[in-house]
N, C-alpha and C. Protein backbone atom coordinates (compact mmCIF):
# COMPACT_ATOMS: atom_id res chain seq x y z
N UNK A 1 94.40 89.68 84.62
CA UNK A 1 95.39 88.65 84.45
C UNK A 1 95.93 88.20 85.80
N UNK A 2 95.08 87.76 86.64
CA UNK A 2 95.50 87.35 87.97
C UNK A 2 96.28 86.05 87.91
N UNK A 3 97.41 86.04 88.60
CA UNK A 3 98.20 84.84 88.71
C UNK A 3 99.19 84.61 87.58
N UNK A 4 99.12 85.39 86.49
CA UNK A 4 100.05 85.16 85.38
C UNK A 4 101.37 85.86 85.58
N UNK A 5 101.37 86.97 86.32
CA UNK A 5 102.61 87.72 86.57
C UNK A 5 103.07 88.49 85.36
N UNK A 6 102.28 88.52 84.29
CA UNK A 6 102.70 89.18 83.06
C UNK A 6 102.07 90.55 82.89
N UNK A 7 101.32 91.02 83.86
CA UNK A 7 100.67 92.32 83.70
C UNK A 7 101.68 93.44 83.84
N UNK A 8 101.47 94.51 83.11
CA UNK A 8 102.34 95.68 83.20
C UNK A 8 101.50 96.91 82.95
N UNK A 9 102.02 98.04 83.35
CA UNK A 9 101.33 99.31 83.16
C UNK A 9 102.05 100.08 82.08
N UNK A 10 101.30 100.77 81.25
CA UNK A 10 101.89 101.56 80.17
C UNK A 10 101.69 103.03 80.49
N UNK A 11 102.75 103.78 80.30
CA UNK A 11 102.69 105.23 80.50
C UNK A 11 103.04 105.88 79.18
N UNK A 12 102.15 106.72 78.68
CA UNK A 12 102.41 107.42 77.44
C UNK A 12 103.00 108.79 77.76
N UNK A 13 104.10 109.12 77.09
CA UNK A 13 104.73 110.41 77.28
C UNK A 13 104.15 111.39 76.28
N UNK A 14 103.88 112.62 76.70
CA UNK A 14 103.42 113.62 75.74
C UNK A 14 104.54 113.94 74.75
N UNK A 15 104.18 114.35 73.56
CA UNK A 15 105.20 114.62 72.53
C UNK A 15 106.26 115.62 72.98
N UNK A 16 105.91 116.55 73.84
CA UNK A 16 106.89 117.56 74.28
C UNK A 16 108.01 116.95 75.12
N UNK A 17 107.79 115.78 75.70
CA UNK A 17 108.80 115.13 76.53
C UNK A 17 109.62 114.08 75.78
N UNK A 18 109.27 113.82 74.56
CA UNK A 18 109.99 112.81 73.78
C UNK A 18 111.23 113.47 73.19
N UNK A 19 112.43 112.92 73.44
CA UNK A 19 113.65 113.56 72.99
C UNK A 19 113.80 113.64 71.48
N UNK A 20 113.47 112.63 70.78
CA UNK A 20 113.62 112.64 69.32
C UNK A 20 112.25 112.60 68.68
N UNK A 21 112.16 113.13 67.46
CA UNK A 21 110.90 113.11 66.73
C UNK A 21 110.55 111.67 66.40
N UNK A 22 109.29 111.41 66.32
CA UNK A 22 108.86 110.06 65.99
C UNK A 22 107.59 109.73 66.73
N UNK A 23 107.28 108.49 66.76
CA UNK A 23 106.06 108.07 67.44
C UNK A 23 106.28 108.11 68.95
N UNK A 24 105.20 108.37 69.72
CA UNK A 24 105.35 108.40 71.18
C UNK A 24 105.85 107.06 71.69
N UNK A 25 106.77 107.12 72.66
CA UNK A 25 107.32 105.91 73.24
C UNK A 25 106.48 105.51 74.45
N UNK A 26 106.41 104.26 74.70
CA UNK A 26 105.65 103.73 75.81
C UNK A 26 106.60 103.16 76.85
N UNK A 27 106.44 103.59 78.09
CA UNK A 27 107.20 103.03 79.19
C UNK A 27 106.33 102.00 79.89
N UNK A 28 106.90 100.92 80.28
CA UNK A 28 106.14 99.91 81.02
C UNK A 28 106.76 99.71 82.39
N UNK A 29 105.90 99.51 83.36
CA UNK A 29 106.33 99.26 84.73
C UNK A 29 105.88 97.87 85.14
N UNK A 30 106.76 97.08 85.71
CA UNK A 30 106.32 95.76 86.17
C UNK A 30 105.35 95.91 87.34
N UNK A 31 104.42 95.03 87.41
CA UNK A 31 103.44 95.05 88.49
C UNK A 31 103.87 94.11 89.60
N UNK A 32 103.78 94.56 90.83
CA UNK A 32 104.13 93.73 91.99
C UNK A 32 102.86 93.17 92.61
N UNK A 33 102.06 92.51 91.83
CA UNK A 33 100.86 91.89 92.37
C UNK A 33 99.63 92.77 92.27
N UNK A 34 99.70 93.86 91.56
CA UNK A 34 98.54 94.72 91.42
C UNK A 34 98.93 96.18 91.53
N UNK A 35 97.94 97.01 91.40
CA UNK A 35 98.19 98.44 91.51
C UNK A 35 97.15 99.04 92.44
N UNK A 36 97.36 100.27 92.80
CA UNK A 36 96.42 100.93 93.70
C UNK A 36 95.14 101.31 92.99
N UNK A 37 95.22 101.66 91.72
CA UNK A 37 94.05 102.06 90.95
C UNK A 37 93.22 103.10 91.70
N UNK A 38 93.86 104.15 92.16
CA UNK A 38 93.17 105.19 92.90
C UNK A 38 92.50 106.17 91.95
N UNK A 39 91.28 106.55 92.30
CA UNK A 39 90.59 107.57 91.53
C UNK A 39 91.11 108.95 91.92
N UNK A 40 90.67 109.96 91.19
CA UNK A 40 91.13 111.32 91.47
C UNK A 40 90.76 111.78 92.88
N UNK A 41 89.56 111.47 93.32
CA UNK A 41 89.14 111.86 94.67
C UNK A 41 89.97 111.18 95.74
N UNK A 42 90.27 109.90 95.53
CA UNK A 42 91.09 109.16 96.49
C UNK A 42 92.51 109.71 96.54
N UNK A 43 93.04 110.09 95.39
CA UNK A 43 94.38 110.67 95.34
C UNK A 43 94.41 112.00 96.10
N UNK A 44 93.36 112.80 95.96
CA UNK A 44 93.29 114.08 96.68
C UNK A 44 93.26 113.85 98.19
N UNK A 45 92.46 112.87 98.64
CA UNK A 45 92.40 112.57 100.07
C UNK A 45 93.74 112.05 100.58
N UNK A 46 94.43 111.27 99.77
CA UNK A 46 95.75 110.76 100.15
C UNK A 46 96.74 111.90 100.34
N UNK A 47 96.76 112.83 99.39
CA UNK A 47 97.65 113.99 99.50
C UNK A 47 97.26 114.85 100.70
N UNK A 48 95.96 115.04 100.92
CA UNK A 48 95.49 115.82 102.07
C UNK A 48 95.93 115.17 103.37
N UNK A 49 95.80 113.86 103.48
CA UNK A 49 96.22 113.15 104.68
C UNK A 49 97.71 113.27 104.94
N UNK A 50 98.50 113.16 103.90
CA UNK A 50 99.95 113.29 104.05
C UNK A 50 100.30 114.70 104.51
N UNK A 51 99.66 115.70 103.91
CA UNK A 51 99.92 117.09 104.32
C UNK A 51 99.53 117.33 105.77
N UNK A 52 98.38 116.80 106.18
CA UNK A 52 97.95 116.96 107.58
C UNK A 52 98.96 116.35 108.54
N UNK A 53 99.42 115.14 108.23
CA UNK A 53 100.36 114.45 109.12
C UNK A 53 101.74 115.08 109.16
N UNK A 54 102.18 115.64 108.06
CA UNK A 54 103.54 116.17 107.99
C UNK A 54 103.63 117.65 108.36
N UNK A 55 102.57 118.41 108.13
CA UNK A 55 102.65 119.86 108.32
C UNK A 55 101.80 120.35 109.49
N UNK A 56 100.52 120.03 109.47
CA UNK A 56 99.60 120.61 110.45
C UNK A 56 99.66 119.93 111.82
N UNK A 57 99.66 118.61 111.87
CA UNK A 57 99.60 117.91 113.15
C UNK A 57 100.79 118.15 114.06
N UNK A 58 102.03 118.21 113.56
CA UNK A 58 103.13 118.51 114.49
C UNK A 58 102.96 119.86 115.18
N UNK A 59 102.49 120.85 114.46
CA UNK A 59 102.26 122.17 115.07
C UNK A 59 101.12 122.11 116.07
N UNK A 60 100.05 121.41 115.73
CA UNK A 60 98.91 121.29 116.64
C UNK A 60 99.27 120.52 117.91
N UNK A 61 100.08 119.47 117.78
CA UNK A 61 100.48 118.70 118.95
C UNK A 61 101.22 119.57 119.96
N UNK A 62 102.12 120.40 119.46
CA UNK A 62 102.85 121.30 120.36
C UNK A 62 101.92 122.29 121.02
N UNK A 63 100.98 122.83 120.24
CA UNK A 63 100.03 123.81 120.77
C UNK A 63 99.12 123.17 121.82
N UNK A 64 98.56 122.01 121.51
CA UNK A 64 97.65 121.34 122.45
C UNK A 64 98.40 120.96 123.72
N UNK A 65 99.63 120.49 123.58
CA UNK A 65 100.43 120.14 124.76
C UNK A 65 100.66 121.32 125.67
N UNK A 66 101.02 122.46 125.08
CA UNK A 66 101.26 123.67 125.86
C UNK A 66 99.98 124.15 126.54
N UNK A 67 98.88 124.15 125.81
CA UNK A 67 97.61 124.61 126.37
C UNK A 67 97.11 123.67 127.46
N UNK A 68 97.35 122.37 127.32
CA UNK A 68 96.90 121.42 128.34
C UNK A 68 97.68 121.64 129.64
N UNK A 69 98.95 121.97 129.54
CA UNK A 69 99.74 122.26 130.75
C UNK A 69 99.17 123.49 131.46
N UNK A 70 98.84 124.52 130.69
CA UNK A 70 98.25 125.74 131.28
C UNK A 70 96.90 125.41 131.92
N UNK A 71 96.10 124.61 131.23
CA UNK A 71 94.76 124.27 131.73
C UNK A 71 94.86 123.44 133.02
N UNK A 72 95.80 122.51 133.06
CA UNK A 72 96.01 121.70 134.26
C UNK A 72 96.41 122.59 135.44
N UNK A 73 97.32 123.51 135.20
CA UNK A 73 97.77 124.42 136.26
C UNK A 73 96.60 125.26 136.77
N UNK A 74 95.77 125.74 135.84
CA UNK A 74 94.60 126.54 136.22
C UNK A 74 93.62 125.72 137.06
N UNK A 75 93.28 124.51 136.61
CA UNK A 75 92.33 123.68 137.35
C UNK A 75 92.89 123.20 138.69
N UNK A 76 94.18 122.98 138.74
CA UNK A 76 94.80 122.58 140.01
C UNK A 76 94.70 123.72 141.02
N UNK A 77 94.86 124.95 140.54
CA UNK A 77 94.78 126.11 141.43
C UNK A 77 93.34 126.41 141.84
N UNK A 78 92.41 126.38 140.88
CA UNK A 78 91.04 126.79 141.16
C UNK A 78 90.16 125.67 141.73
N UNK A 79 90.40 124.42 141.35
CA UNK A 79 89.53 123.31 141.77
C UNK A 79 90.26 122.22 142.54
N UNK A 80 91.54 122.37 142.78
CA UNK A 80 92.35 121.35 143.48
C UNK A 80 92.14 119.96 142.88
N UNK A 81 92.25 119.87 141.57
CA UNK A 81 91.99 118.58 140.92
C UNK A 81 93.03 117.52 141.27
N UNK A 82 94.15 117.93 141.82
CA UNK A 82 95.15 116.95 142.23
C UNK A 82 94.83 116.32 143.58
N UNK A 83 93.78 116.83 144.26
CA UNK A 83 93.40 116.32 145.59
C UNK A 83 91.91 115.98 145.64
N UNK A 84 91.34 115.54 144.54
CA UNK A 84 89.91 115.24 144.51
C UNK A 84 89.60 113.91 145.19
N UNK A 85 88.34 113.77 145.59
CA UNK A 85 87.88 112.54 146.24
C UNK A 85 86.54 112.15 145.61
N UNK A 86 86.07 110.94 145.88
CA UNK A 86 84.78 110.53 145.32
C UNK A 86 83.62 111.42 145.75
N UNK A 87 83.73 112.05 146.90
CA UNK A 87 82.64 112.92 147.36
C UNK A 87 82.72 114.32 146.77
N UNK A 88 83.91 114.74 146.35
CA UNK A 88 84.06 116.09 145.80
C UNK A 88 85.07 116.06 144.66
N UNK A 89 84.52 116.13 143.44
CA UNK A 89 85.37 116.14 142.25
C UNK A 89 84.69 116.94 141.14
N UNK A 90 85.47 117.40 140.22
CA UNK A 90 84.98 118.18 139.09
C UNK A 90 84.32 117.23 138.09
N UNK A 91 83.00 117.37 137.91
CA UNK A 91 82.27 116.46 137.02
C UNK A 91 82.32 116.90 135.57
N UNK A 92 82.25 118.20 135.35
CA UNK A 92 82.29 118.73 133.99
C UNK A 92 83.28 119.89 133.92
N UNK A 93 83.76 120.10 132.74
CA UNK A 93 84.59 121.27 132.46
C UNK A 93 83.93 121.98 131.30
N UNK A 94 83.23 123.05 131.63
CA UNK A 94 82.38 123.77 130.70
C UNK A 94 81.32 122.80 130.19
N UNK A 95 81.33 122.44 128.92
CA UNK A 95 80.29 121.54 128.40
C UNK A 95 80.74 120.08 128.31
N UNK A 96 81.95 119.77 128.73
CA UNK A 96 82.49 118.42 128.60
C UNK A 96 82.32 117.62 129.89
N UNK A 97 81.73 116.42 129.77
CA UNK A 97 81.66 115.48 130.88
C UNK A 97 83.04 114.83 130.99
N UNK A 98 83.61 114.82 132.16
CA UNK A 98 84.95 114.27 132.34
C UNK A 98 84.86 112.76 132.61
N UNK A 99 85.72 112.01 131.97
CA UNK A 99 85.70 110.55 132.01
C UNK A 99 86.78 110.04 132.98
N UNK A 100 86.45 109.91 134.24
CA UNK A 100 87.41 109.49 135.26
C UNK A 100 87.77 108.00 135.16
N UNK A 101 87.00 107.23 134.43
CA UNK A 101 87.33 105.82 134.24
C UNK A 101 88.61 105.65 133.43
N UNK A 102 89.01 106.69 132.72
CA UNK A 102 90.19 106.61 131.85
C UNK A 102 91.51 106.82 132.56
N UNK A 103 91.48 107.23 133.82
CA UNK A 103 92.74 107.55 134.51
C UNK A 103 92.96 106.64 135.71
N UNK A 104 94.19 106.60 136.17
CA UNK A 104 94.59 105.89 137.39
C UNK A 104 94.17 104.42 137.41
N UNK A 105 93.94 103.85 136.24
CA UNK A 105 93.58 102.44 136.13
C UNK A 105 92.31 102.10 136.92
N UNK A 106 91.43 103.08 137.07
CA UNK A 106 90.24 102.88 137.91
C UNK A 106 89.23 101.95 137.29
N UNK A 107 89.06 102.03 135.99
CA UNK A 107 88.06 101.16 135.36
C UNK A 107 88.47 99.69 135.48
N UNK A 108 89.75 99.41 135.32
CA UNK A 108 90.22 98.02 135.44
C UNK A 108 90.09 97.51 136.87
N UNK A 109 90.35 98.36 137.83
CA UNK A 109 90.30 97.94 139.24
C UNK A 109 88.88 97.84 139.77
N UNK A 110 88.04 98.82 139.42
CA UNK A 110 86.75 98.94 140.10
C UNK A 110 85.53 98.83 139.18
N UNK A 111 85.75 98.63 137.90
CA UNK A 111 84.66 98.50 136.92
C UNK A 111 83.67 99.67 137.04
N UNK A 112 82.43 99.37 137.38
CA UNK A 112 81.38 100.40 137.44
C UNK A 112 81.18 101.00 138.83
N UNK A 113 81.99 100.63 139.79
CA UNK A 113 81.86 101.15 141.16
C UNK A 113 82.56 102.51 141.23
N UNK A 114 81.87 103.54 140.76
CA UNK A 114 82.49 104.86 140.65
C UNK A 114 82.84 105.47 142.00
N UNK A 115 82.20 105.02 143.06
CA UNK A 115 82.54 105.55 144.39
C UNK A 115 83.92 105.09 144.85
N UNK A 116 84.51 104.10 144.17
CA UNK A 116 85.85 103.63 144.52
C UNK A 116 86.95 104.20 143.61
N UNK A 117 86.55 104.97 142.60
CA UNK A 117 87.52 105.52 141.65
C UNK A 117 88.50 106.46 142.34
N UNK A 118 89.70 106.53 141.80
CA UNK A 118 90.70 107.51 142.25
C UNK A 118 90.52 108.75 141.37
N UNK A 119 89.98 109.81 141.93
CA UNK A 119 89.64 111.01 141.17
C UNK A 119 90.77 112.04 141.12
N UNK A 120 91.88 111.77 141.72
CA UNK A 120 92.96 112.77 141.71
C UNK A 120 93.64 112.80 140.34
N UNK A 121 93.84 114.00 139.86
CA UNK A 121 94.49 114.21 138.57
C UNK A 121 95.93 114.61 138.86
N UNK A 122 96.86 113.74 138.53
CA UNK A 122 98.25 113.95 138.92
C UNK A 122 99.10 114.65 137.87
N UNK A 123 98.61 114.75 136.65
CA UNK A 123 99.41 115.38 135.59
C UNK A 123 98.51 115.90 134.48
N UNK A 124 99.11 116.68 133.59
CA UNK A 124 98.37 117.19 132.44
C UNK A 124 97.99 116.06 131.48
N UNK A 125 98.74 114.97 131.49
CA UNK A 125 98.40 113.81 130.66
C UNK A 125 97.12 113.16 131.19
N UNK A 126 97.00 113.01 132.51
CA UNK A 126 95.77 112.49 133.10
C UNK A 126 94.59 113.40 132.78
N UNK A 127 94.82 114.69 132.84
CA UNK A 127 93.76 115.65 132.51
C UNK A 127 93.33 115.47 131.07
N UNK A 128 94.27 115.31 130.17
CA UNK A 128 93.94 115.13 128.75
C UNK A 128 93.10 113.87 128.55
N UNK A 129 93.39 112.81 129.29
CA UNK A 129 92.63 111.56 129.17
C UNK A 129 91.18 111.73 129.58
N UNK A 130 90.89 112.67 130.48
CA UNK A 130 89.52 112.88 130.93
C UNK A 130 88.59 113.32 129.81
N UNK A 131 89.13 113.93 128.78
CA UNK A 131 88.33 114.45 127.68
C UNK A 131 88.14 113.42 126.56
N UNK A 132 88.81 112.29 126.65
CA UNK A 132 88.76 111.29 125.59
C UNK A 132 87.73 110.21 125.89
N UNK A 133 87.28 109.56 124.82
CA UNK A 133 86.43 108.39 124.98
C UNK A 133 87.27 107.28 125.62
N UNK A 134 86.66 106.37 126.38
CA UNK A 134 87.44 105.34 127.08
C UNK A 134 88.36 104.53 126.16
N UNK A 135 87.90 104.17 124.97
CA UNK A 135 88.75 103.36 124.09
C UNK A 135 89.95 104.16 123.58
N UNK A 136 89.84 105.47 123.52
CA UNK A 136 90.95 106.30 123.05
C UNK A 136 91.98 106.55 124.14
N UNK A 137 91.58 106.47 125.38
CA UNK A 137 92.47 106.81 126.49
C UNK A 137 93.35 105.64 126.93
N UNK A 138 93.24 104.51 126.28
CA UNK A 138 94.01 103.33 126.69
C UNK A 138 95.31 103.20 125.91
N UNK A 139 95.93 104.29 125.57
CA UNK A 139 97.20 104.25 124.85
C UNK A 139 98.32 103.89 125.82
N UNK A 140 99.41 103.41 125.28
CA UNK A 140 100.56 103.05 126.11
C UNK A 140 101.82 103.70 125.56
N UNK A 141 101.70 104.94 125.11
CA UNK A 141 102.86 105.63 124.55
C UNK A 141 103.92 105.89 125.61
N UNK A 142 105.18 105.78 125.22
CA UNK A 142 106.27 106.05 126.15
C UNK A 142 106.44 107.54 126.37
N UNK A 143 106.07 108.32 125.37
CA UNK A 143 106.17 109.77 125.47
C UNK A 143 104.88 110.28 126.10
N UNK A 144 104.99 111.02 127.19
CA UNK A 144 103.79 111.53 127.86
C UNK A 144 102.93 112.38 126.94
N UNK A 145 103.54 113.04 125.98
CA UNK A 145 102.78 113.92 125.12
C UNK A 145 102.15 113.18 123.95
N UNK A 146 102.28 111.86 123.90
CA UNK A 146 101.63 111.10 122.84
C UNK A 146 100.11 111.18 122.97
N UNK A 147 99.61 111.44 124.17
CA UNK A 147 98.17 111.59 124.35
C UNK A 147 97.66 112.80 123.58
N UNK A 148 98.47 113.81 123.43
CA UNK A 148 98.03 115.00 122.73
C UNK A 148 97.85 114.73 121.24
N UNK A 149 98.49 113.67 120.74
CA UNK A 149 98.29 113.27 119.35
C UNK A 149 96.84 112.86 119.14
N UNK A 150 96.21 112.29 120.13
CA UNK A 150 94.83 111.83 120.01
C UNK A 150 93.86 112.99 119.84
N UNK A 151 94.23 114.17 120.29
CA UNK A 151 93.37 115.33 120.13
C UNK A 151 93.44 115.88 118.73
N UNK A 152 94.52 115.60 118.02
CA UNK A 152 94.74 116.22 116.71
C UNK A 152 94.40 115.30 115.57
């Protein structure tokens, strides 16, 4: 009934919820242009997504943020990542290729001329960006720890 505005949804109450004996009563809800019509699987994914965002991700963000600070301190001590140059910089961290185009606005300034990139890692946020794909590292969050949301 598209365009008529007369569609409504009917909800049948089980007999145990009906206050007085008699035939089951029908409740109707006005439709605001349609309904979600979600299947059972879609409803489960919706609930799972809400639970992840409200319960699990806040805890993971704090954990990832804390661990990234420790990791930055370790790499700054062992590899001097805060003083790197195009001739001497950390290319990989264990099995991860580090993406230096994502930091210090180097990709915008120098495009593919990697010998002109600024390889110094000035903070744990810059370090976190090295592990992300280029399109993910272009966030503009005001909170420095918003980058850690991308990991979770």
